[in-house]
Amino acid sequence: MTDTNDMRPHMPLGLAQRGYTGVIQHLSAGETGSALSDIELESRLIELGFVEGARVEVLHEGLVGRDPIAVRVDSITIAVRRREAMAVIVA
């Protein structure tokens, strides 16, 4: 049986718009523009629940520049800056 998420294009969560739903494929912190180091950013995202296989949904976008975004990761809701969400690859 083929997972339908394998056929969806992979993209950074930071590019997703309100209403997007998908599954986290992996983290890729390089070139996000974050003030944190790649290792620090990946560690923080994992601590927040951004782990491979978790279901995500973009619930809300900030008014100014659509930043930050509110994201449901499995059963919790988290606000994250778009530049940090660029490290979360979803499909």
Protein backbone atom coordinates (compact mmCIF):
# COMPACT_ATOMS: atom_id res chain seq x y z
CA MET A 1 0.00 0.00 0.00
CA THR A 2 1.39 3.41 -0.98
CA ASP A 3 1.18 6.31 1.44
CA THR A 4 -0.60 9.22 -0.28
CA ASN A 5 1.78 11.69 1.41
CA ASP A 6 4.67 10.13 -0.56
CA MET A 7 3.00 11.41 -3.75
CA ARG A 8 2.41 14.95 -2.48
CA PRO A 9 5.18 17.46 -3.13
CA HIS A 10 7.43 18.12 -0.16
CA MET A 11 7.62 21.76 0.93
CA PRO A 12 8.65 23.82 3.96
CA LEU A 13 5.82 24.38 6.45
CA GLY A 14 6.75 28.08 6.37
CA LEU A 15 5.30 28.33 2.84
CA ALA A 16 1.97 26.72 3.77
CA GLN A 17 -1.17 28.82 3.95
CA ARG A 18 -4.00 28.74 6.45
CA GLY A 19 -5.95 25.48 6.15
CA TYR A 20 -3.00 23.40 4.92
CA THR A 21 -2.81 19.89 6.38
CA GLY A 22 0.02 17.44 5.94
CA VAL A 23 2.54 15.16 7.62
CA ILE A 24 6.05 16.10 8.75
CA GLN A 25 8.63 14.33 6.56
CA HIS A 26 11.84 15.62 8.18
CA LEU A 27 13.61 18.70 9.56
CA SER A 28 16.11 20.71 7.55
CA ALA A 29 17.34 23.76 9.44
CA GLY A 30 19.98 24.94 6.95
CA GLU A 31 19.33 28.33 5.31
CA THR A 32 16.19 29.23 7.30
CA GLY A 33 17.38 32.68 8.31
CA SER A 34 16.86 31.87 11.98
CA ALA A 35 19.04 33.51 14.62
CA LEU A 36 19.52 30.04 16.12
CA SER A 37 22.16 27.57 14.94
CA ASP A 38 20.87 24.67 12.84
CA ILE A 39 21.27 22.20 15.73
CA GLU A 40 19.57 24.54 18.21
CA LEU A 41 16.63 25.16 15.87
CA GLU A 42 16.13 21.45 15.14
CA SER A 43 16.33 20.63 18.87
CA ARG A 44 13.73 23.26 19.76
CA LEU A 45 11.38 22.14 17.01
CA ILE A 46 11.64 18.52 18.17
CA GLU A 47 10.95 19.60 21.77
CA LEU A 48 7.79 21.37 20.54
CA GLY A 49 6.58 18.19 18.82
CA PHE A 50 7.68 18.74 15.23
CA VAL A 51 8.73 15.13 14.68
CA GLU A 52 8.68 12.92 11.60
CA GLY A 53 5.25 11.43 10.98
CA ALA A 54 3.31 13.99 13.02
CA ARG A 55 0.19 15.44 11.39
CA VAL A 56 0.19 19.24 11.01
CA GLU A 57 -2.46 21.82 10.19
CA VAL A 58 -1.98 25.58 9.74
CA LEU A 59 -4.75 27.14 11.84
CA HIS A 60 -4.04 30.87 11.76
CA GLU A 61 -1.68 33.46 10.29
CA GLY A 62 -0.58 36.70 11.90
CA LEU A 63 -1.89 39.96 10.45
CA VAL A 64 1.48 41.51 9.65
CA GLY A 65 3.33 39.55 6.99
CA ARG A 66 1.27 36.44 7.85
CA ASP A 67 3.70 35.86 10.73
CA PRO A 68 3.67 34.03 13.12
CA ILE A 69 1.55 31.03 12.25
CA ALA A 70 -0.50 28.89 14.63
CA VAL A 71 -0.02 25.22 13.85
CA ARG A 72 -1.70 22.12 15.27
CA VAL A 73 0.87 19.34 15.60
CA ASP A 74 -1.00 16.14 16.37
CA SER A 75 -3.10 17.33 19.35
CA ILE A 76 -1.28 20.51 20.46
CA THR A 77 -1.37 24.05 19.08
CA ILE A 78 1.90 25.95 18.69
CA ALA A 79 2.75 29.43 17.39
CA VAL A 80 5.94 29.51 15.36
CA ARG A 81 7.66 32.10 13.17
CA ARG A 82 7.52 31.36 9.47
CA ARG A 83 11.32 31.48 9.14
CA GLU A 84 11.62 28.73 11.78
CA ALA A 85 8.76 26.78 10.14
CA MET A 86 10.88 26.74 6.96
CA ALA A 87 12.94 24.01 8.67
CA VAL A 88 9.92 21.68 8.87
CA ILE A 89 9.48 19.77 5.61
CA VAL A 90 5.91 18.52 5.08
CA ALA A 91 3.94 16.65 2.46
